[in-house]
N, C-alpha and C. Protein backbone atom coordinates (compact mmCIF):
# COMPACT_ATOMS: atom_id res chain seq x y z
N MET A 1 34.43 12.57 96.99
CA MET A 1 33.54 10.78 97.70
C MET A 1 32.14 11.59 98.69
N ASP A 2 31.08 11.27 98.25
CA ASP A 2 29.80 11.24 99.10
C ASP A 2 29.95 10.15 100.05
N LYS A 3 30.06 10.29 101.25
CA LYS A 3 29.99 9.69 102.52
C LYS A 3 29.08 8.28 102.76
N ASN A 4 28.00 8.82 101.48
CA ASN A 4 27.04 8.14 101.83
C ASN A 4 27.19 6.93 100.38
N LEU A 5 28.11 7.16 99.60
CA LEU A 5 28.41 6.01 98.32
C LEU A 5 28.05 4.77 98.74
N PHE A 6 28.53 4.44 99.75
CA PHE A 6 28.66 2.95 99.88
C PHE A 6 27.21 2.27 99.95
N ALA A 7 26.72 2.61 100.80
CA ALA A 7 24.98 2.82 101.67
C ALA A 7 24.59 3.01 100.56
N ASN A 8 24.66 3.90 99.66
CA ASN A 8 23.26 4.10 98.42
C ASN A 8 23.95 2.44 97.18
N VAL A 9 25.30 2.07 96.95
CA VAL A 9 25.34 1.17 96.53
C VAL A 9 24.50 -0.27 97.01
N ASP A 10 25.13 -0.28 98.14
CA ASP A 10 23.51 -0.83 99.15
C ASP A 10 22.25 -1.18 98.77
N ASP A 11 22.17 -0.32 98.85
CA ASP A 11 20.72 0.33 98.62
C ASP A 11 20.14 -0.69 96.82
N ILE A 12 20.88 0.38 96.22
CA ILE A 12 21.18 -0.03 94.54
C ILE A 12 21.33 -1.45 94.00
N VAL A 13 22.06 -1.84 95.33
CA VAL A 13 22.10 -3.66 94.89
C VAL A 13 21.14 -4.36 95.00
N ARG A 14 20.23 -3.79 96.64
CA ARG A 14 19.13 -4.53 96.57
C ARG A 14 17.98 -4.47 95.51
N SER A 15 17.85 -2.88 95.24
CA SER A 15 16.70 -2.84 94.17
C SER A 15 17.07 -3.44 92.73
N LEU A 16 18.59 -3.68 92.21
CA LEU A 16 18.95 -5.01 91.16
C LEU A 16 18.63 -6.08 91.14
N TYR A 17 19.27 -6.78 91.96
CA TYR A 17 18.92 -8.35 92.47
C TYR A 17 17.68 -8.57 92.01
N SER A 18 18.44 -9.92 91.53
CA SER A 18 16.87 -10.51 90.99
C SER A 18 15.99 -11.89 92.07
N GLY A 19 17.41 -11.88 92.73
CA GLY A 19 17.04 -13.44 93.91
C GLY A 19 15.84 -12.07 94.54
N ASP A 20 15.67 -13.36 96.14
CA ASP A 20 15.04 -13.34 97.15
C ASP A 20 16.08 -12.13 97.79
N VAL A 21 15.42 -10.82 98.37
CA VAL A 21 16.01 -9.52 98.65
C VAL A 21 16.57 -10.22 100.55
N ASP A 22 14.94 -10.69 100.54
CA ASP A 22 15.29 -11.18 101.79
C ASP A 22 16.37 -12.15 102.30
N GLN A 23 17.38 -12.60 101.14
CA GLN A 23 18.50 -13.38 101.70
C GLN A 23 19.67 -12.44 101.77
N LEU A 24 19.67 -11.16 100.87
CA LEU A 24 21.06 -10.42 101.21
C LEU A 24 20.94 -9.86 102.38
N PHE A 25 22.06 -9.61 102.54
CA PHE A 25 22.74 -9.05 103.76
C PHE A 25 23.93 -8.68 103.66
N SER A 26 24.20 -7.33 104.57
CA SER A 26 25.27 -6.42 103.98
C SER A 26 25.82 -5.63 104.70
N LYS A 27 26.99 -5.29 104.94
CA LYS A 27 27.29 -3.93 105.73
C LYS A 27 27.84 -2.85 105.32
N SER A 28 28.05 -1.75 105.09
CA SER A 28 28.36 -1.17 104.64
C SER A 28 29.11 0.42 105.43
N HIS A 29 30.77 1.08 104.91
CA HIS A 29 31.02 1.79 105.71
C HIS A 29 31.52 3.25 104.92
N ARG A 30 31.92 4.28 104.86
CA ARG A 30 32.23 5.33 103.67
C ARG A 30 33.52 4.47 102.75
N TYR A 31 33.99 3.84 103.19
CA TYR A 31 34.69 3.25 102.29
C TYR A 31 34.62 1.99 101.20
N GLY A 32 33.31 1.12 101.96
CA GLY A 32 32.84 -0.36 101.31
C GLY A 32 31.73 -0.54 101.90
N VAL A 33 31.57 -1.17 100.72
CA VAL A 33 30.20 -2.27 101.04
C VAL A 33 30.44 -4.30 101.10
N LYS A 34 30.03 -4.34 101.90
CA LYS A 34 30.19 -6.01 101.91
C LYS A 34 29.05 -6.56 102.03
N ILE A 35 29.04 -7.63 100.58
CA ILE A 35 27.28 -8.14 100.72
C ILE A 35 27.53 -9.49 100.54
N TRP A 36 26.45 -10.23 101.04
CA TRP A 36 26.27 -11.59 100.92
C TRP A 36 24.87 -12.25 100.84
N ILE A 37 25.14 -13.48 100.93
CA ILE A 37 23.52 -14.40 100.81
C ILE A 37 23.86 -15.20 101.71
N GLY A 38 22.40 -15.46 102.68
CA GLY A 38 21.92 -16.66 103.41
C GLY A 38 21.46 -16.45 104.49
N THR A 39 23.19 -15.98 105.76
CA THR A 39 23.13 -16.21 106.93
C THR A 39 23.27 -14.44 107.27
N PRO A 40 22.76 -13.87 108.09
CA PRO A 40 22.91 -12.90 109.10
C PRO A 40 24.24 -12.30 109.51
N GLU A 41 25.33 -13.58 110.06
CA GLU A 41 26.61 -13.43 110.04
C GLU A 41 27.14 -13.35 108.70
N PRO A 42 28.30 -12.64 108.08
CA PRO A 42 28.49 -12.42 107.41
C PRO A 42 29.67 -13.77 107.27
N PRO A 43 29.85 -14.82 105.57
CA PRO A 43 30.71 -15.52 105.82
C PRO A 43 31.96 -14.83 105.37
N LYS A 44 32.88 -16.01 105.47
CA LYS A 44 34.29 -15.88 104.69
C LYS A 44 34.33 -15.95 102.89
N VAL A 45 33.11 -16.31 102.55
CA VAL A 45 33.23 -15.91 100.80
C VAL A 45 31.97 -15.05 100.50
N HIS A 46 32.33 -13.68 100.25
CA HIS A 46 31.37 -12.33 100.00
C HIS A 46 31.88 -11.78 99.53
N TYR A 47 31.43 -10.94 98.83
CA TYR A 47 30.81 -9.39 98.25
C TYR A 47 31.49 -8.47 98.64
N GLU A 48 32.51 -7.86 97.97
CA GLU A 48 32.86 -6.17 98.49
C GLU A 48 32.75 -5.14 97.12
N ALA A 49 32.75 -4.05 97.43
CA ALA A 49 33.11 -2.81 96.40
C ALA A 49 33.50 -2.05 97.49
N GLN A 50 34.87 -1.64 97.50
CA GLN A 50 35.43 -1.04 98.44
C GLN A 50 36.68 -0.25 97.66
N VAL A 51 37.39 1.05 98.24
CA VAL A 51 38.04 1.55 98.16
C VAL A 51 39.46 1.32 98.25
N LEU A 52 40.51 1.43 97.65
CA LEU A 52 42.16 0.16 98.45
C LEU A 52 42.94 1.61 97.71
N GLY A 53 44.09 1.91 98.74
CA GLY A 53 45.20 2.32 98.43
C GLY A 53 45.56 1.87 97.11
N ARG A 54 45.99 2.43 95.88
CA ARG A 54 45.72 2.24 94.71
C ARG A 54 47.64 1.46 94.79
N HIS A 55 48.35 1.59 95.85
CA HIS A 55 49.64 1.23 96.23
C HIS A 55 49.61 -0.54 95.85
N HIS A 56 48.26 -1.08 96.89
CA HIS A 56 48.44 -2.59 96.61
C HIS A 56 48.23 -2.99 95.24
N VAL A 57 47.91 -2.24 94.30
CA VAL A 57 47.29 -3.06 92.89
C VAL A 57 48.43 -2.94 92.20
N ASP A 58 49.22 -1.76 91.80
CA ASP A 58 50.19 -1.28 91.17
C ASP A 58 51.44 -0.08 91.49
N GLY A 59 51.67 -0.46 92.83
CA GLY A 59 52.63 0.15 93.59
C GLY A 59 52.68 1.68 93.04
N GLU A 60 51.45 1.96 93.24
CA GLU A 60 51.56 3.97 91.90
C GLU A 60 50.44 4.92 93.69
N GLU A 61 50.58 5.68 93.36
CA GLU A 61 50.00 6.16 94.67
C GLU A 61 48.58 6.81 94.21
N GLY A 62 47.44 6.77 94.95
CA GLY A 62 46.47 7.20 94.17
C GLY A 62 45.47 6.33 94.98
N LEU A 63 44.32 6.06 94.58
CA LEU A 63 42.87 5.40 94.54
C LEU A 63 42.15 4.37 93.40
N ALA A 64 42.17 3.39 94.12
CA ALA A 64 41.39 2.18 93.24
C ALA A 64 40.15 1.83 94.04
N VAL A 65 39.59 1.23 93.49
CA VAL A 65 37.96 0.93 93.70
C VAL A 65 38.00 -0.96 93.20
N GLU A 66 37.63 -1.96 94.36
CA GLU A 66 37.73 -2.98 93.74
C GLU A 66 36.58 -3.33 94.10
N ILE A 67 36.32 -4.74 93.27
CA ILE A 67 34.77 -4.91 93.08
C ILE A 67 34.71 -6.59 93.13
N GLY A 68 34.03 -6.93 93.59
CA GLY A 68 34.10 -8.85 93.42
C GLY A 68 34.18 -9.38 94.50
N LEU A 69 34.10 -10.88 93.94
CA LEU A 69 33.79 -12.10 95.13
C LEU A 69 35.22 -11.84 96.24
N HIS A 70 35.09 -11.81 97.36
CA HIS A 70 36.46 -12.27 97.99
C HIS A 70 35.94 -13.64 98.96
N CYS A 71 37.34 -14.35 98.90
CA CYS A 71 37.58 -15.49 99.80
C CYS A 71 38.44 -15.34 101.28
N GLU A 72 38.38 -15.44 102.00
CA GLU A 72 38.66 -14.95 103.50
C GLU A 72 39.37 -15.79 104.10
N HIS A 73 39.01 -16.86 104.12
CA HIS A 73 38.94 -18.27 105.30
C HIS A 73 40.60 -18.00 105.83
N ARG A 74 40.70 -18.45 107.01
CA ARG A 74 42.55 -18.18 107.27
C ARG A 74 43.40 -19.31 106.13
N ASP A 75 42.84 -20.48 105.83
CA ASP A 75 43.71 -21.32 105.08
C ASP A 75 43.48 -21.08 103.81
N GLU A 76 44.20 -20.76 103.37
CA GLU A 76 45.01 -20.72 101.79
C GLU A 76 44.60 -21.23 101.00
N ALA A 77 44.66 -22.62 101.35
CA ALA A 77 44.75 -23.57 100.36
C ALA A 77 42.72 -23.83 100.29
N GLU A 78 42.12 -23.85 101.47
CA GLU A 78 40.45 -23.59 101.30
C GLU A 78 39.82 -22.40 100.31
N ASN A 79 40.88 -21.21 100.28
CA ASN A 79 40.69 -20.29 99.41
C ASN A 79 41.43 -20.27 97.70
N GLU A 80 42.28 -21.42 97.69
CA GLU A 80 42.37 -21.16 96.42
C GLU A 80 41.33 -22.46 95.59
N SER A 81 41.24 -23.48 96.80
CA SER A 81 39.93 -24.62 96.25
C SER A 81 39.19 -23.55 95.59
N ILE A 82 38.54 -22.71 96.24
CA ILE A 82 37.61 -21.89 95.57
C ILE A 82 37.90 -21.17 94.43
N LEU A 83 38.20 -20.06 94.85
CA LEU A 83 38.92 -19.93 93.34
C LEU A 83 39.10 -20.38 92.50
N ASN A 84 40.02 -21.78 92.35
CA ASN A 84 39.64 -22.78 91.52
C ASN A 84 39.12 -23.36 90.52
N SER A 85 37.97 -23.43 92.09
CA SER A 85 36.11 -24.55 91.20
C SER A 85 35.95 -23.40 90.53
N LEU A 86 35.66 -21.80 90.49
CA LEU A 86 35.11 -20.66 89.79
C LEU A 86 35.86 -20.39 88.66
N LEU A 87 37.59 -19.97 88.39
CA LEU A 87 38.09 -20.43 87.41
C LEU A 87 37.66 -21.89 85.97
N GLU A 88 37.76 -22.79 87.22
CA GLU A 88 37.23 -24.32 85.48
C GLU A 88 36.09 -24.09 85.42
N ARG A 89 35.55 -23.00 85.21
CA ARG A 89 33.81 -23.02 85.38
C ARG A 89 34.03 -21.51 84.56
N SER A 90 34.93 -20.87 84.21
CA SER A 90 35.28 -19.42 83.33
C SER A 90 34.40 -19.77 82.68
N LYS A 91 33.50 -20.14 81.67
CA LYS A 91 32.74 -19.94 80.63
C LYS A 91 31.64 -19.73 81.17
N LYS A 92 31.27 -19.73 82.01
CA LYS A 92 30.12 -19.30 82.41
C LYS A 92 29.76 -18.42 82.92
N TRP A 93 30.82 -17.69 83.05
CA TRP A 93 30.74 -16.04 84.21
C TRP A 93 31.76 -15.16 83.07
N GLU A 94 32.65 -15.72 82.15
CA GLU A 94 33.13 -14.48 81.13
C GLU A 94 32.11 -13.87 80.48
N PRO A 95 31.45 -14.44 79.61
CA PRO A 95 30.27 -13.71 78.90
C PRO A 95 29.76 -12.31 79.74
N VAL A 96 29.33 -12.81 80.91
CA VAL A 96 28.97 -11.19 81.92
C VAL A 96 30.06 -10.87 82.72
N LEU A 97 30.94 -11.11 83.29
CA LEU A 97 31.98 -10.66 83.56
C LEU A 97 32.82 -9.96 83.03
N GLY A 98 33.19 -10.57 81.68
CA GLY A 98 34.66 -9.86 80.73
C GLY A 98 36.01 -10.24 81.34
N GLU A 99 36.78 -9.46 80.71
CA GLU A 99 37.67 -9.63 80.89
C GLU A 99 38.60 -8.93 81.72
N GLU A 100 37.41 -8.01 82.19
CA GLU A 100 37.70 -7.03 83.86
C GLU A 100 37.98 -7.64 84.37
N ALA A 101 37.41 -9.09 84.96
CA ALA A 101 37.33 -9.47 85.78
C ALA A 101 38.51 -10.64 86.34
N SER A 102 39.53 -10.23 87.07
CA SER A 102 40.57 -11.03 87.54
C SER A 102 40.98 -11.81 88.47
N ALA A 103 41.21 -12.95 88.62
CA ALA A 103 41.32 -13.69 89.44
C ALA A 103 43.25 -13.76 90.33
N GLY A 104 43.24 -13.87 91.67
CA GLY A 104 44.16 -13.90 92.14
C GLY A 104 44.50 -13.49 93.80
N VAL A 105 46.04 -13.25 93.89
CA VAL A 105 45.70 -12.52 95.48
C VAL A 105 45.10 -11.70 96.01
N PHE A 106 44.36 -11.56 97.04
CA PHE A 106 43.84 -10.51 97.71
C PHE A 106 44.59 -9.34 97.78
N TYR A 107 44.23 -8.29 97.61
CA TYR A 107 45.62 -7.29 97.84
C TYR A 107 45.58 -6.57 98.88
N GLY A 108 46.88 -7.03 99.71
CA GLY A 108 46.78 -6.84 100.81
C GLY A 108 46.91 -7.92 101.88
N ALA A 109 46.61 -9.03 101.36
CA ALA A 109 46.13 -10.59 102.64
C ALA A 109 47.27 -11.48 101.74
N GLU A 110 48.35 -12.29 101.24
CA GLU A 110 48.18 -13.24 101.31
C GLU A 110 47.49 -14.15 101.47
N ASN A 111 46.97 -14.78 102.16
CA ASN A 111 46.66 -15.89 102.43
C ASN A 111 44.46 -15.84 100.83
N TRP A 112 44.24 -14.75 101.42
CA TRP A 112 42.89 -14.36 100.76
C TRP A 112 43.24 -14.53 99.28
N ARG A 113 41.76 -14.67 98.28
CA ARG A 113 42.01 -14.74 97.53
C ARG A 113 40.68 -13.73 96.81
N ARG A 114 40.28 -13.59 95.70
CA ARG A 114 39.47 -12.37 94.84
C ARG A 114 39.36 -12.87 93.05
N LEU A 115 38.14 -12.74 93.48
CA LEU A 115 37.88 -12.78 91.12
C LEU A 115 37.24 -11.12 91.31
N SER A 116 37.58 -10.02 90.99
CA SER A 116 37.26 -8.91 90.92
C SER A 116 37.68 -8.03 89.99
N ASP A 117 37.39 -6.90 89.43
CA ASP A 117 37.16 -5.62 88.51
C ASP A 117 38.53 -4.88 89.86
N VAL A 118 39.18 -4.13 89.44
CA VAL A 118 39.95 -3.19 90.13
C VAL A 118 40.05 -1.34 88.88
N TRP A 119 39.24 -0.77 89.55
CA TRP A 119 38.92 0.49 88.55
C TRP A 119 39.42 1.82 89.24
N ILE A 120 41.11 1.70 88.62
CA ILE A 120 42.32 2.96 88.81
C ILE A 120 41.49 4.23 88.86
N GLU A 121 41.79 4.78 89.41
CA GLU A 121 41.63 6.03 89.86
C GLU A 121 40.52 6.83 89.30
N PRO A 122 39.48 5.65 89.84
CA PRO A 122 37.90 6.45 88.91
C PRO A 122 37.28 7.64 89.81
N ASP A 123 36.71 8.03 89.30
CA ASP A 123 35.96 9.65 89.59
C ASP A 123 34.74 9.66 90.39
N LEU A 124 35.15 9.54 91.70
CA LEU A 124 34.18 8.86 92.55
C LEU A 124 32.76 10.17 92.72
N SER A 125 33.09 11.11 92.17
CA SER A 125 32.39 12.67 92.14
C SER A 125 30.76 12.55 91.63
N VAL A 126 31.40 11.98 90.13
CA VAL A 126 30.52 11.83 88.59
C VAL A 126 28.79 11.30 89.30
N ASP A 127 28.06 12.01 89.21
CA ASP A 127 26.76 11.40 89.24
C ASP A 127 26.72 10.40 88.24
N ASP A 128 25.90 9.32 89.28
CA ASP A 128 25.50 7.82 88.65
C ASP A 128 26.82 6.99 89.46
N ILE A 129 27.88 7.47 89.41
CA ILE A 129 28.86 6.02 90.60
C ILE A 129 28.29 5.49 91.35
N ASP A 130 27.70 5.56 92.13
CA ASP A 130 26.69 4.47 92.62
C ASP A 130 26.11 3.72 91.55
N VAL A 131 25.51 4.13 91.06
CA VAL A 131 25.07 3.13 90.09
C VAL A 131 25.45 2.07 89.31
N GLU A 132 26.64 2.96 88.72
CA GLU A 132 27.74 1.86 88.09
C GLU A 132 28.23 1.19 88.38
N ILE A 133 28.44 1.12 90.30
CA ILE A 133 29.42 -0.11 91.47
C ILE A 133 28.60 -0.73 91.61
N ALA A 134 27.10 -0.11 91.42
CA ALA A 134 25.96 -1.05 91.74
C ALA A 134 25.58 -2.47 91.02
N SER A 135 26.06 -1.73 89.85
CA SER A 135 25.24 -2.65 88.57
C SER A 135 26.08 -4.23 88.41
N ARG A 136 27.82 -3.28 88.37
CA ARG A 136 29.23 -4.18 88.14
C ARG A 136 28.90 -5.32 89.46
N MET A 137 28.39 -4.60 90.52
CA MET A 137 28.47 -5.56 92.15
C MET A 137 27.95 -6.79 91.64
N THR A 138 26.40 -6.26 91.59
CA THR A 138 25.08 -7.36 91.18
C THR A 138 25.52 -7.95 89.59
N ASP A 139 26.21 -7.60 89.41
CA ASP A 139 26.62 -8.75 88.10
C ASP A 139 27.66 -9.80 89.00
N TYR A 140 28.85 -9.53 89.14
CA TYR A 140 29.73 -10.26 90.49
C TYR A 140 28.11 -11.06 91.06
N ILE A 141 27.35 -10.91 91.38
CA ILE A 141 27.09 -11.63 92.76
C ILE A 141 26.00 -12.81 91.89
N GLU A 142 25.04 -12.52 90.93
CA GLU A 142 23.98 -13.13 89.99
C GLU A 142 25.14 -14.13 89.05
N THR A 143 26.08 -13.68 89.36
CA THR A 143 26.56 -14.69 87.82
C THR A 143 27.76 -15.36 89.07
N LEU A 144 28.36 -15.27 89.76
CA LEU A 144 29.08 -16.41 90.67
C LEU A 144 28.56 -16.81 91.78
N GLN A 145 27.63 -16.76 92.23
CA GLN A 145 26.75 -17.25 93.83
C GLN A 145 26.34 -18.58 92.65
N PRO A 146 25.89 -18.97 92.06
CA PRO A 146 25.26 -20.19 91.47
C PRO A 146 26.33 -21.06 91.11
N LEU A 147 27.82 -20.60 91.23
CA LEU A 147 28.45 -21.19 90.84
C LEU A 147 29.64 -21.87 92.01
N LEU A 148 29.12 -21.13 92.76
CA LEU A 148 30.01 -21.84 94.72
C LEU A 148 29.30 -22.40 94.96
N PRO A 149 30.17 -23.50 95.35
CA PRO A 149 30.12 -24.63 96.43
C PRO A 149 28.51 -24.78 97.23
N GLU A 150 28.31 -25.62 97.82
CA GLU A 150 26.71 -25.03 98.71
C GLU A 150 27.22 -24.51 99.64
N ASP A 151 28.17 -24.76 100.50
CA ASP A 151 28.34 -24.06 101.66
C ASP A 151 29.90 -23.56 101.69
N PRO A 152 29.98 -22.85 100.95
CA PRO A 152 31.37 -21.54 100.55
C PRO A 152 31.39 -20.74 101.99
N THR A 153 30.94 -20.71 102.98
CA THR A 153 31.35 -20.16 104.23
C THR A 153 32.58 -20.52 105.04
């Protein structure tokens, strides 16, 4: 895996994003990137692409990449409310995100929620994997952001 993979994903999302790029903020590291809209400080509701231990997903050894929306409030009910709001409007996002998008408890944090894809054992060394991840992340951002409550921080 290229040590700059997720920094590249960040740059590519910025080039694909159709909204105001000046409102797009991010933090990247070797194993992931967090992207959010609106304020310089990251809110509790944001988008991430990250490498996970596969054991978090299906109990098997290996790696997975998770891409999508995270709700990371301390209050589980608040996270659940945001996720339920999105699920109630699934007809608006399913045509873009498809069956690959799954909703549920965040991997490894019982009180957090997610709406995301999980890629099991992806080959992170193939050409254009950064473009594939960034494209999918942009799909999530552009599709879900208009459906979130006004202040989902």
